[in-house]
Amino acid sequence: MREEMNDALEVIKVPARRGRMVALNAGDTVDVVNIHGGQVVDTWAFARDNPAEYMSMEHSHVLHYRLNFRPGDALCTDQWRTIMTFVEDTSPGIHDTLCPACCAPSYTIFYGHEGYHDNCSDNLKGQFEALGVPFHRVPTPWNLFMETIVENSNDMKDMPSTTGAGRYVRLRAEMDCYFAVSACPQDLIVINGEDGVPRNIALHIRRTPGKLVT
């Protein structure tokens, strides 16, 4: 739901457990805002001239030869084109780059959940459908604010997100792209803050002056 729009700032609220995809022009910036704190946000970007081309965690790992990204880093696609720049981070700076998006089967396989469970994969697919954009796949997301750590034993461990209320990550589009997020609906393990309750987030978008989204 769009809350506010003016020449300087466009604010979009994303409800808990739901997703949103927006078109960005090269030069636009977007802040992914953790309104209440503790909320994990699955994050993707797709080239507008070829939606099958996506922001790739694996390629970006190799680009910087590390598992985590820092402000100033470029994020590239599976075709090695720069799609986003990581501009600013006011959170503790821990953002998982390894875990795939949750899907309906994952809640059954890992947690024994019966019946349908909201999930980030379907949230992304639904946003492609809503915008009438051809859907190809669910890439590994950049899981903003998700504190999955790799221990010395190489085991992975999920921790509750410690990101505080109002903290954000700022990204800049380096090509015309579709930018998508999902306020992760995981409520069967405690990753969304200390209480494990999914909450709403916001996108704060600053558009490049004089450019229209097409």
Protein backbone atom coordinates (compact mmCIF):
# COMPACT_ATOMS: atom_id res chain seq x y z
CA MET A 1 0.00 0.00 0.00
CA ARG A 2 1.39 3.38 -0.98
CA GLU A 3 1.26 5.74 1.99
CA GLU A 4 2.84 8.94 0.72
CA MET A 5 4.35 10.34 -2.46
CA ASN A 6 5.95 13.68 -3.20
CA ASP A 7 8.82 15.06 -5.24
CA ALA A 8 11.38 13.95 -2.65
CA LEU A 9 10.16 10.69 -1.16
CA GLU A 10 7.80 7.83 -1.93
CA VAL A 11 6.84 5.69 1.06
CA ILE A 12 5.40 2.21 0.56
CA LYS A 13 4.22 0.08 3.47
CA VAL A 14 4.66 -3.68 3.15
CA PRO A 15 2.40 -5.63 5.54
CA ALA A 16 3.79 -8.40 7.71
CA ARG A 17 3.98 -11.74 5.86
CA ARG A 18 3.50 -10.06 2.46
CA GLY A 19 5.63 -8.89 -0.46
CA ARG A 20 5.98 -5.93 -2.77
CA MET A 21 7.74 -5.28 -6.08
CA VAL A 22 8.38 -1.85 -7.59
CA ALA A 23 10.02 -0.60 -10.77
CA LEU A 24 13.15 1.49 -10.25
CA ASN A 25 15.14 3.56 -12.71
CA ALA A 26 18.92 3.68 -12.67
CA GLY A 27 19.89 6.23 -10.02
CA ASP A 28 16.83 5.73 -7.80
CA THR A 29 17.54 4.84 -4.18
CA VAL A 30 15.46 2.70 -1.86
CA ASP A 31 15.67 2.38 1.91
CA VAL A 32 14.43 -0.93 3.31
CA VAL A 33 13.17 0.23 6.71
CA ASN A 34 12.73 -2.07 9.69
CA ILE A 35 9.87 -0.11 11.24
CA HIS A 36 9.51 -2.09 14.48
CA GLY A 37 12.89 -3.82 14.52
CA GLY A 38 13.77 -7.48 14.21
CA GLN A 39 12.04 -8.18 10.89
CA VAL A 40 13.86 -10.24 8.26
CA VAL A 41 13.36 -8.97 4.69
CA ASP A 42 14.01 -11.21 1.68
CA THR A 43 15.28 -8.90 -1.06
CA TRP A 44 15.66 -9.33 -4.83
CA ALA A 45 16.29 -7.27 -7.96
CA PHE A 46 15.63 -8.18 -11.60
CA ALA A 47 16.73 -6.44 -14.80
CA ARG A 48 13.80 -4.65 -16.43
CA ASP A 49 15.14 -5.34 -19.93
CA ASN A 50 15.33 -9.07 -19.11
CA PRO A 51 13.48 -10.19 -15.95
CA ALA A 52 15.18 -13.59 -16.19
CA GLU A 53 18.40 -11.80 -15.15
CA TYR A 54 18.56 -11.35 -11.39
CA MET A 55 20.72 -10.02 -8.58
CA SER A 56 22.84 -13.03 -7.71
CA MET A 57 24.24 -13.71 -4.26
CA GLU A 58 26.58 -16.33 -5.68
CA HIS A 59 28.04 -14.02 -8.32
CA SER A 60 28.29 -11.15 -5.84
CA HIS A 61 30.16 -13.43 -3.43
CA VAL A 62 32.76 -14.08 -6.10
CA LEU A 63 32.86 -10.42 -7.16
CA HIS A 64 34.04 -9.45 -3.66
CA TYR A 65 35.36 -12.85 -2.56
CA ARG A 66 33.50 -12.77 0.74
CA LEU A 67 30.15 -13.97 2.06
CA ASN A 68 28.89 -10.65 3.38
CA PHE A 69 28.63 -7.27 1.71
CA ARG A 70 29.63 -3.84 2.95
CA PRO A 71 28.45 -0.32 2.17
CA GLY A 72 30.06 0.72 -1.09
CA ASP A 73 29.89 -2.77 -2.58
CA ALA A 74 28.32 -3.40 -5.97
CA LEU A 75 25.82 -6.25 -6.28
CA CYS A 76 25.82 -7.98 -9.65
CA THR A 77 23.49 -10.15 -11.68
CA ASP A 78 23.96 -13.68 -12.90
CA GLN A 79 25.28 -12.02 -16.09
CA TRP A 80 27.88 -10.05 -14.07
CA ARG A 81 26.19 -6.69 -14.64
CA THR A 82 26.01 -4.31 -11.68
CA ILE A 83 22.36 -3.97 -10.71
CA MET A 84 22.48 -2.37 -7.23
CA THR A 85 24.97 -0.59 -4.99
CA PHE A 86 24.90 -1.10 -1.22
CA VAL A 87 24.99 2.53 -0.10
CA GLU A 88 24.30 2.72 3.63
CA ASP A 89 23.47 0.50 6.61
CA THR A 90 22.23 1.71 10.01
CA SER A 91 21.58 -1.82 11.31
CA PRO A 92 24.14 -4.05 13.09
CA GLY A 93 25.22 -5.06 9.58
CA ILE A 94 24.37 -8.77 9.59
CA HIS A 95 22.49 -9.86 6.45
CA ASP A 96 22.32 -13.51 5.39
CA THR A 97 23.37 -14.30 1.81
CA LEU A 98 23.19 -18.12 1.93
CA CYS A 99 19.64 -19.23 2.77
CA PRO A 100 17.04 -19.71 0.02
CA ALA A 101 13.63 -18.10 0.27
CA CYS A 102 11.16 -20.06 2.36
CA CYS A 103 8.46 -21.88 0.40
CA ALA A 104 5.34 -23.83 1.32
CA PRO A 105 7.11 -27.24 1.29
CA SER A 106 9.95 -25.97 3.50
CA TYR A 107 7.54 -25.34 6.38
CA THR A 108 6.37 -28.96 6.19
CA ILE A 109 9.79 -30.55 5.63
CA PHE A 110 11.70 -28.67 8.32
CA TYR A 111 9.01 -27.84 10.88
CA GLY A 112 6.21 -30.37 10.34
CA HIS A 113 3.67 -27.66 9.57
CA GLU A 114 0.39 -29.00 8.15
CA GLY A 115 -1.45 -27.07 5.47
CA TYR A 116 -0.44 -23.89 3.69
CA HIS A 117 1.91 -21.37 5.29
CA ASP A 118 2.62 -17.90 3.93
CA ASN A 119 6.08 -17.84 2.40
CA CYS A 120 8.54 -15.55 0.64
CA SER A 121 8.66 -17.58 -2.58
CA ASP A 122 4.94 -17.24 -3.19
CA ASN A 123 5.09 -13.58 -2.16
CA LEU A 124 7.62 -12.96 -4.93
CA LYS A 125 5.66 -14.94 -7.51
CA GLY A 126 2.51 -13.01 -6.62
CA GLN A 127 4.25 -9.69 -7.19
CA PHE A 128 5.37 -10.72 -10.67
CA GLU A 129 1.78 -11.67 -11.43
CA ALA A 130 0.45 -8.38 -10.00
CA LEU A 131 2.75 -6.32 -12.26
CA GLY A 132 2.24 -8.55 -15.30
CA VAL A 133 5.96 -9.35 -15.51
CA PRO A 134 7.04 -12.79 -16.79
CA PHE A 135 8.16 -14.97 -13.88
CA HIS A 136 11.18 -17.25 -14.27
CA ARG A 137 12.52 -18.36 -10.88
CA VAL A 138 13.00 -17.53 -7.21
CA PRO A 139 16.70 -16.70 -6.85
CA THR A 140 18.51 -16.88 -3.55
CA PRO A 141 17.52 -13.60 -1.86
CA TRP A 142 19.64 -11.17 0.07
CA ASN A 143 18.07 -11.73 3.48
CA LEU A 144 18.38 -8.29 5.01
CA PHE A 145 18.56 -8.20 8.82
CA MET A 146 18.65 -12.03 9.02
CA GLU A 147 21.32 -13.21 11.45
CA THR A 148 22.30 -16.65 10.23
CA ILE A 149 25.90 -17.15 11.27
CA VAL A 150 28.54 -19.60 10.08
CA GLU A 151 30.35 -21.05 13.09
CA ASN A 152 34.01 -22.15 13.20
CA SER A 153 32.82 -25.72 12.63
CA ASN A 154 31.17 -24.48 9.38
CA ASP A 155 27.77 -25.24 10.89
CA MET A 156 25.10 -22.60 10.32
CA LYS A 157 23.03 -21.19 13.18
CA ASP A 158 19.92 -19.00 13.09
CA MET A 159 19.78 -16.15 15.61
CA PRO A 160 17.02 -13.63 16.32
CA SER A 161 17.49 -10.42 14.36
CA THR A 162 18.87 -7.66 16.59
CA THR A 163 18.09 -4.82 14.19
CA GLY A 164 16.45 -1.94 16.04
CA ALA A 165 13.30 -0.04 15.18
CA GLY A 166 13.72 2.45 12.36
CA ARG A 167 17.03 1.02 11.12
CA TYR A 168 17.45 0.66 7.38
CA VAL A 169 19.59 -0.46 4.46
CA ARG A 170 19.90 1.95 1.53
CA LEU A 171 20.44 0.64 -1.99
CA ARG A 172 20.86 2.44 -5.30
CA ALA A 173 19.68 1.02 -8.61
CA GLU A 174 22.47 0.95 -11.20
CA MET A 175 20.17 -0.17 -14.01
CA ASP A 176 16.44 -0.02 -14.62
CA CYS A 177 15.16 -2.89 -12.53
CA TYR A 178 12.33 -4.47 -10.60
CA PHE A 179 13.04 -4.39 -6.87
CA ALA A 180 11.20 -6.89 -4.68
CA VAL A 181 10.94 -7.58 -0.97
CA SER A 182 9.08 -9.98 1.30
CA ALA A 183 8.50 -9.32 5.00
CA CYS A 184 9.38 -12.89 5.94
CA PRO A 185 6.42 -14.77 7.49
CA GLN A 186 8.62 -17.23 9.43
CA ASP A 187 6.95 -17.78 12.81
CA LEU A 188 7.95 -21.37 13.58
CA ILE A 189 11.51 -20.54 14.61
CA VAL A 190 12.73 -17.33 16.22
CA ILE A 191 14.47 -15.24 13.56
CA ASN A 192 12.09 -12.26 13.39
CA GLY A 193 13.25 -10.58 16.59
CA GLU A 194 13.22 -12.05 20.09
CA ASP A 195 9.50 -12.88 19.97
CA GLY A 196 9.54 -14.36 16.46
CA VAL A 197 6.51 -12.36 15.33
CA PRO A 198 6.52 -11.11 11.69
CA ARG A 199 5.94 -7.36 11.35
CA ASN A 200 5.41 -4.81 8.62
CA ILE A 201 8.23 -2.88 6.96
CA ALA A 202 8.49 0.12 4.66
CA LEU A 203 10.27 1.14 1.48
CA HIS A 204 11.43 4.75 1.19
CA ILE A 205 12.12 5.49 -2.47
CA ARG A 206 13.84 8.58 -3.84
CA ARG A 207 13.36 8.89 -7.58
CA THR A 208 15.88 10.35 -10.01
CA PRO A 209 14.63 13.86 -10.88
CA GLY A 210 13.11 14.16 -14.33
CA LYS A 211 12.89 10.40 -14.98
CA LEU A 212 9.59 8.56 -15.23
CA VAL A 213 9.19 4.88 -14.44
CA THR A 214 8.11 3.07 -17.60
